[in-house]
Amino acid sequence: MIPVAGGSLVELFQFVIQPPLERRRDEWMRSIGDRLKDLEENGLDLESLQSNEQFVSIVLQATQGALRTHKEEKLTAFRNAVVNVAKGQSPDEAVQDILLGLVDQFSELHLRVLKVLHSPIVPETLDMGGLETVLQLNIPSLTGQHELTLKIVKDLFNNGLIKSDIIGMTLTGAGLRAQQTTIFGATLIKLIS
């Protein structure tokens, strides 16, 4: 009975999971191909990428992450990392591996919060407040989500991407507008932008 059930499960997997997975893979490969074609039109020698082990590694790592998500912001981050490595605009390989691993690990909301804390947009009329207010102004879905906001900020802080995990401390307007990312966090933003 088990081989029959096992066969049925394989068929079910192939029917339910395989087509969307193949579609994701095809869309991902097409998007990377389109980006590489654009780079070639702007003077990049694609043949040199064949022997660039760093580029091959980032494509494989980014592809694995891309196949595990349907979130557009994460797909864009993976795609931009591949393009930046192809253009020679990437950090040291060890740093690159760590940062791409964080993109894979984090939610789309983590990336959005990191971007806001890197370049906060704060109205001139706001001359005092906390970082939670800045996050809520830039990401309205975080309004009323204190515990979620705190969790995301702690994750970013614990991974060395932002300078502080205190979101309730009162800051001046200049403090609210200041970049909150570390050098490591800024490097991640540059890699995925």
C-alpha atoms as a PDB file:
ATOM      1  CA  MET A   1       0.000   0.000   0.000  1.00  0.00           C
ATOM      2  CA  ILE A   2       2.800   2.446   0.754  1.00  0.00           C
ATOM      3  CA  PRO A   3       4.321   2.405  -2.765  1.00  0.00           C
ATOM      4  CA  VAL A   4       0.889   3.192  -4.248  1.00  0.00           C
ATOM      5  CA  ALA A   5       0.329   6.014  -1.743  1.00  0.00           C
ATOM      6  CA  GLY A   6       3.869   7.211  -2.353  1.00  0.00           C
ATOM      7  CA  GLY A   7       3.248   7.226  -6.094  1.00  0.00           C
ATOM      8  CA  SER A   8       0.002   9.111  -5.606  1.00  0.00           C
ATOM      9  CA  LEU A   9       1.759  11.683  -3.448  1.00  0.00           C
ATOM     10  CA  VAL A  10       4.423  12.188  -6.085  1.00  0.00           C
ATOM     11  CA  GLU A  11       1.749  12.681  -8.722  1.00  0.00           C
ATOM     12  CA  LEU A  12      -0.097  15.113  -6.444  1.00  0.00           C
ATOM     13  CA  PHE A  13       3.136  17.051  -5.838  1.00  0.00           C
ATOM     14  CA  GLN A  14       3.833  17.163  -9.566  1.00  0.00           C
ATOM     15  CA  PHE A  15       0.294  18.371 -10.253  1.00  0.00           C
ATOM     16  CA  VAL A  16       0.067  21.011  -7.499  1.00  0.00           C
ATOM     17  CA  ILE A  17       3.620  22.263  -6.877  1.00  0.00           C
ATOM     18  CA  GLN A  18       5.704  21.595  -9.956  1.00  0.00           C
ATOM     19  CA  PRO A  19       3.904  23.906 -12.441  1.00  0.00           C
ATOM     20  CA  PRO A  20       4.061  27.023 -10.210  1.00  0.00           C
ATOM     21  CA  LEU A  21       7.655  26.218  -9.277  1.00  0.00           C
ATOM     22  CA  GLU A  22       8.621  25.876 -12.930  1.00  0.00           C
ATOM     23  CA  ARG A  23       6.798  29.132 -13.700  1.00  0.00           C
ATOM     24  CA  ARG A  24       8.723  30.910 -10.927  1.00  0.00           C
ATOM     25  CA  ARG A  25      12.014  29.517 -12.188  1.00  0.00           C
ATOM     26  CA  ASP A  26      11.254  30.507 -15.794  1.00  0.00           C
ATOM     27  CA  GLU A  27      10.165  34.033 -14.800  1.00  0.00           C
ATOM     28  CA  TRP A  28      13.272  34.448 -12.661  1.00  0.00           C
ATOM     29  CA  MET A  29      15.627  33.267 -15.408  1.00  0.00           C
ATOM     30  CA  ARG A  30      13.878  35.478 -17.947  1.00  0.00           C
ATOM     31  CA  SER A  31      14.200  38.531 -15.684  1.00  0.00           C
ATOM     32  CA  ILE A  32      17.912  37.875 -15.079  1.00  0.00           C
ATOM     33  CA  GLY A  33      18.437  37.345 -18.816  1.00  0.00           C
ATOM     34  CA  ASP A  34      16.679  40.643 -19.590  1.00  0.00           C
ATOM     35  CA  ARG A  35      18.853  42.499 -17.068  1.00  0.00           C
ATOM     36  CA  LEU A  36      22.028  40.945 -18.471  1.00  0.00           C
ATOM     37  CA  LYS A  37      20.960  41.858 -21.996  1.00  0.00           C
ATOM     38  CA  ASP A  38      20.481  45.477 -20.839  1.00  0.00           C
ATOM     39  CA  LEU A  39      23.954  45.442 -19.290  1.00  0.00           C
ATOM     40  CA  GLU A  40      25.435  44.038 -22.504  1.00  0.00           C
ATOM     41  CA  GLU A  41      23.818  46.849 -24.502  1.00  0.00           C
ATOM     42  CA  ASN A  42      25.522  49.257 -22.102  1.00  0.00           C
ATOM     43  CA  GLY A  43      28.955  47.747 -22.689  1.00  0.00           C
ATOM     44  CA  LEU A  44      29.242  44.808 -20.293  1.00  0.00           C
ATOM     45  CA  ASP A  45      31.146  41.827 -21.730  1.00  0.00           C
ATOM     46  CA  LEU A  46      28.886  38.860 -20.967  1.00  0.00           C
ATOM     47  CA  GLU A  47      31.607  36.354 -21.867  1.00  0.00           C
ATOM     48  CA  SER A  48      33.689  37.620 -18.947  1.00  0.00           C
ATOM     49  CA  LEU A  49      30.862  36.647 -16.579  1.00  0.00           C
ATOM     50  CA  GLN A  50      31.203  32.986 -17.561  1.00  0.00           C
ATOM     51  CA  SER A  51      34.592  32.840 -15.864  1.00  0.00           C
ATOM     52  CA  ASN A  52      33.625  35.081 -12.948  1.00  0.00           C
ATOM     53  CA  GLU A  53      33.137  32.638 -10.068  1.00  0.00           C
ATOM     54  CA  GLN A  54      31.731  35.367  -7.788  1.00  0.00           C
ATOM     55  CA  PHE A  55      29.037  36.086 -10.357  1.00  0.00           C
ATOM     56  CA  VAL A  56      28.152  32.408 -10.830  1.00  0.00           C
ATOM     57  CA  SER A  57      27.911  31.979  -7.051  1.00  0.00           C
ATOM     58  CA  ILE A  58      25.642  35.005  -6.581  1.00  0.00           C
ATOM     59  CA  VAL A  59      23.364  33.827  -9.393  1.00  0.00           C
ATOM     60  CA  LEU A  60      23.002  30.425  -7.763  1.00  0.00           C
ATOM     61  CA  GLN A  61      22.461  31.874  -4.274  1.00  0.00           C
ATOM     62  CA  ALA A  62      19.985  34.484  -5.502  1.00  0.00           C
ATOM     63  CA  THR A  63      18.138  31.901  -7.610  1.00  0.00           C
ATOM     64  CA  GLN A  64      17.606  29.652  -4.602  1.00  0.00           C
ATOM     65  CA  GLY A  65      16.204  32.580  -2.610  1.00  0.00           C
ATOM     66  CA  ALA A  66      14.076  33.782  -5.514  1.00  0.00           C
ATOM     67  CA  LEU A  67      12.470  30.377  -5.933  1.00  0.00           C
ATOM     68  CA  ARG A  68      11.460  30.405  -2.253  1.00  0.00           C
ATOM     69  CA  THR A  69       9.452  33.632  -2.466  1.00  0.00           C
ATOM     70  CA  HIS A  70       6.671  35.290  -4.399  1.00  0.00           C
ATOM     71  CA  LYS A  71       7.254  38.689  -2.757  1.00  0.00           C
ATOM     72  CA  GLU A  72       8.174  41.234  -5.408  1.00  0.00           C
ATOM     73  CA  GLU A  73      10.380  43.355  -3.139  1.00  0.00           C
ATOM     74  CA  LYS A  74      12.537  40.338  -2.275  1.00  0.00           C
ATOM     75  CA  LEU A  75      12.692  39.251  -5.926  1.00  0.00           C
ATOM     76  CA  THR A  76      13.818  42.760  -6.859  1.00  0.00           C
ATOM     77  CA  ALA A  77      16.472  42.669  -4.119  1.00  0.00           C
ATOM     78  CA  PHE A  78      17.847  39.344  -5.387  1.00  0.00           C
ATOM     79  CA  ARG A  79      17.780  40.568  -8.999  1.00  0.00           C
ATOM     80  CA  ASN A  80      19.565  43.821  -8.103  1.00  0.00           C
ATOM     81  CA  ALA A  81      22.250  41.906  -6.195  1.00  0.00           C
ATOM     82  CA  VAL A  82      22.960  39.794  -9.295  1.00  0.00           C
ATOM     83  CA  VAL A  83      23.121  42.900 -11.495  1.00  0.00           C
ATOM     84  CA  ASN A  84      25.407  44.752  -9.080  1.00  0.00           C
ATOM     85  CA  VAL A  85      27.834  41.823  -8.946  1.00  0.00           C
ATOM     86  CA  ALA A  86      27.767  41.597 -12.756  1.00  0.00           C
ATOM     87  CA  LYS A  87      28.658  45.310 -12.893  1.00  0.00           C
ATOM     88  CA  GLY A  88      31.474  44.804 -10.382  1.00  0.00           C
ATOM     89  CA  GLN A  89      29.666  46.865  -7.749  1.00  0.00           C
ATOM     90  CA  SER A  90      29.517  44.465  -4.847  1.00  0.00           C
ATOM     91  CA  PRO A  91      31.121  44.077  -1.444  1.00  0.00           C
ATOM     92  CA  ASP A  92      33.695  41.461  -0.484  1.00  0.00           C
ATOM     93  CA  GLU A  93      32.405  37.949  -1.216  1.00  0.00           C
ATOM     94  CA  ALA A  94      32.079  36.994   2.465  1.00  0.00           C
ATOM     95  CA  VAL A  95      30.030  40.129   3.168  1.00  0.00           C
ATOM     96  CA  GLN A  96      27.998  39.550   0.008  1.00  0.00           C
ATOM     97  CA  ASP A  97      27.149  35.991   1.093  1.00  0.00           C
ATOM     98  CA  ILE A  98      26.079  37.146   4.553  1.00  0.00           C
ATOM     99  CA  LEU A  99      23.964  39.990   3.185  1.00  0.00           C
ATOM    100  CA  LEU A 100      22.236  37.842   0.579  1.00  0.00           C
ATOM    101  CA  GLY A 101      21.523  35.289   3.300  1.00  0.00           C
ATOM    102  CA  LEU A 102      19.836  38.049   5.311  1.00  0.00           C
ATOM    103  CA  VAL A 103      17.695  39.041   2.325  1.00  0.00           C
ATOM    104  CA  ASP A 104      16.611  35.412   2.077  1.00  0.00           C
ATOM    105  CA  GLN A 105      15.931  35.191   5.825  1.00  0.00           C
ATOM    106  CA  PHE A 106      14.107  38.496   6.248  1.00  0.00           C
ATOM    107  CA  SER A 107      10.552  39.312   5.280  1.00  0.00           C
ATOM    108  CA  GLU A 108       9.673  41.965   2.746  1.00  0.00           C
ATOM    109  CA  LEU A 109       8.695  44.192   5.679  1.00  0.00           C
ATOM    110  CA  HIS A 110      12.198  43.885   7.153  1.00  0.00           C
ATOM    111  CA  LEU A 111      13.636  45.240   3.903  1.00  0.00           C
ATOM    112  CA  ARG A 112      11.132  48.097   3.804  1.00  0.00           C
ATOM    113  CA  VAL A 113      11.895  49.070   7.417  1.00  0.00           C
ATOM    114  CA  LEU A 114      15.641  48.951   6.704  1.00  0.00           C
ATOM    115  CA  LYS A 115      15.206  51.227   3.697  1.00  0.00           C
ATOM    116  CA  VAL A 116      13.154  53.712   5.724  1.00  0.00           C
ATOM    117  CA  LEU A 117      15.744  53.747   8.510  1.00  0.00           C
ATOM    118  CA  HIS A 118      18.468  54.263   5.909  1.00  0.00           C
ATOM    119  CA  SER A 119      16.747  57.281   4.334  1.00  0.00           C
ATOM    120  CA  PRO A 120      13.907  58.443   6.602  1.00  0.00           C
ATOM    121  CA  ILE A 121      11.333  60.755   5.062  1.00  0.00           C
ATOM    122  CA  VAL A 122      10.012  62.994   7.819  1.00  0.00           C
ATOM    123  CA  PRO A 123       7.780  66.050   7.374  1.00  0.00           C
ATOM    124  CA  GLU A 124       9.443  69.330   8.334  1.00  0.00           C
ATOM    125  CA  THR A 125       6.572  69.953  10.751  1.00  0.00           C
ATOM    126  CA  LEU A 126       7.643  66.966  12.869  1.00  0.00           C
ATOM    127  CA  ASP A 127      10.316  68.348  15.167  1.00  0.00           C
ATOM    128  CA  MET A 128      10.206  65.654  17.852  1.00  0.00           C
ATOM    129  CA  GLY A 129       9.220  62.015  18.187  1.00  0.00           C
ATOM    130  CA  GLY A 130      10.424  58.442  18.055  1.00  0.00           C
ATOM    131  CA  LEU A 131      11.573  56.166  15.271  1.00  0.00           C
ATOM    132  CA  GLU A 132       8.333  54.220  15.562  1.00  0.00           C
ATOM    133  CA  THR A 133       6.514  57.357  14.423  1.00  0.00           C
ATOM    134  CA  VAL A 134       8.892  57.668  11.445  1.00  0.00           C
ATOM    135  CA  LEU A 135       8.241  54.049  10.516  1.00  0.00           C
ATOM    136  CA  GLN A 136       4.470  54.485  10.777  1.00  0.00           C
ATOM    137  CA  LEU A 137       4.590  57.621   8.600  1.00  0.00           C
ATOM    138  CA  ASN A 138       6.562  55.776   5.913  1.00  0.00           C
ATOM    139  CA  ILE A 139       4.902  52.354   6.277  1.00  0.00           C
ATOM    140  CA  PRO A 140       1.284  52.954   7.338  1.00  0.00           C
ATOM    141  CA  SER A 141       0.604  49.230   7.800  1.00  0.00           C
ATOM    142  CA  LEU A 142       2.833  49.379  10.907  1.00  0.00           C
ATOM    143  CA  THR A 143       0.384  51.717  12.667  1.00  0.00           C
ATOM    144  CA  GLY A 144      -0.957  49.893  15.703  1.00  0.00           C
ATOM    145  CA  GLN A 145       1.595  47.100  15.203  1.00  0.00           C
ATOM    146  CA  HIS A 146       4.028  47.932  18.041  1.00  0.00           C
ATOM    147  CA  GLU A 147       5.125  44.354  18.749  1.00  0.00           C
ATOM    148  CA  LEU A 148       5.691  43.583  15.067  1.00  0.00           C
ATOM    149  CA  THR A 149       7.627  46.821  14.595  1.00  0.00           C
ATOM    150  CA  LEU A 150       9.741  46.087  17.648  1.00  0.00           C
ATOM    151  CA  LYS A 151      10.469  42.524  16.418  1.00  0.00           C
ATOM    152  CA  ILE A 152      11.586  43.723  12.997  1.00  0.00           C
ATOM    153  CA  VAL A 153      13.754  46.497  14.428  1.00  0.00           C
ATOM    154  CA  LYS A 154      15.368  44.059  16.890  1.00  0.00           C
ATOM    155  CA  ASP A 155      16.079  41.622  14.038  1.00  0.00           C
ATOM    156  CA  LEU A 156      17.772  44.379  12.039  1.00  0.00           C
ATOM    157  CA  PHE A 157      19.739  45.548  15.094  1.00  0.00           C
ATOM    158  CA  ASN A 158      20.789  42.033  16.120  1.00  0.00           C
ATOM    159  CA  ASN A 159      22.160  41.471  12.611  1.00  0.00           C
ATOM    160  CA  GLY A 160      24.238  44.650  12.766  1.00  0.00           C
ATOM    161  CA  LEU A 161      22.239  46.580  10.170  1.00  0.00           C
ATOM    162  CA  ILE A 162      20.954  49.480  12.291  1.00  0.00           C
ATOM    163  CA  LYS A 163      22.522  51.485  15.129  1.00  0.00           C
ATOM    164  CA  SER A 164      19.818  51.080  17.775  1.00  0.00           C
ATOM    165  CA  ASP A 165      16.759  48.997  18.550  1.00  0.00           C
ATOM    166  CA  ILE A 166      15.145  51.667  20.712  1.00  0.00           C
ATOM    167  CA  ILE A 167      12.177  52.965  18.724  1.00  0.00           C
ATOM    168  CA  GLY A 168      10.356  54.846  21.457  1.00  0.00           C
ATOM    169  CA  MET A 169      13.072  57.263  22.562  1.00  0.00           C
ATOM    170  CA  THR A 170      12.232  60.882  21.783  1.00  0.00           C
ATOM    171  CA  LEU A 171      14.483  62.430  19.154  1.00  0.00           C
ATOM    172  CA  THR A 172      14.728  65.924  17.715  1.00  0.00           C
ATOM    173  CA  GLY A 173      13.662  66.547  14.122  1.00  0.00           C
ATOM    174  CA  ALA A 174      17.282  66.229  13.008  1.00  0.00           C
ATOM    175  CA  GLY A 175      17.568  62.917  14.846  1.00  0.00           C
ATOM    176  CA  LEU A 176      14.408  61.637  13.167  1.00  0.00           C
ATOM    177  CA  ARG A 177      15.808  62.532   9.747  1.00  0.00           C
ATOM    178  CA  ALA A 178      19.253  61.001  10.397  1.00  0.00           C
ATOM    179  CA  GLN A 179      20.361  57.777   8.749  1.00  0.00           C
ATOM    180  CA  GLN A 180      19.951  54.938  11.253  1.00  0.00           C
ATOM    181  CA  THR A 181      21.793  52.211   9.344  1.00  0.00           C
ATOM    182  CA  THR A 182      25.291  50.975  10.144  1.00  0.00           C
ATOM    183  CA  ILE A 183      27.953  50.642   7.458  1.00  0.00           C
ATOM    184  CA  PHE A 184      26.883  46.995   7.141  1.00  0.00           C
ATOM    185  CA  GLY A 185      23.233  48.054   6.711  1.00  0.00           C
ATOM    186  CA  ALA A 186      24.171  50.694   4.142  1.00  0.00           C
ATOM    187  CA  THR A 187      26.167  48.047   2.260  1.00  0.00           C
ATOM    188  CA  LEU A 188      23.092  45.820   2.128  1.00  0.00           C
ATOM    189  CA  ILE A 189      20.968  48.686   0.801  1.00  0.00           C
ATOM    190  CA  LYS A 190      23.590  49.370  -1.892  1.00  0.00           C
ATOM    191  CA  LEU A 191      23.776  45.676  -2.884  1.00  0.00           C
ATOM    192  CA  ILE A 192      20.010  45.307  -3.359  1.00  0.00           C
ATOM    193  CA  SER A 193      19.299  48.727  -4.896  1.00  0.00           C
END
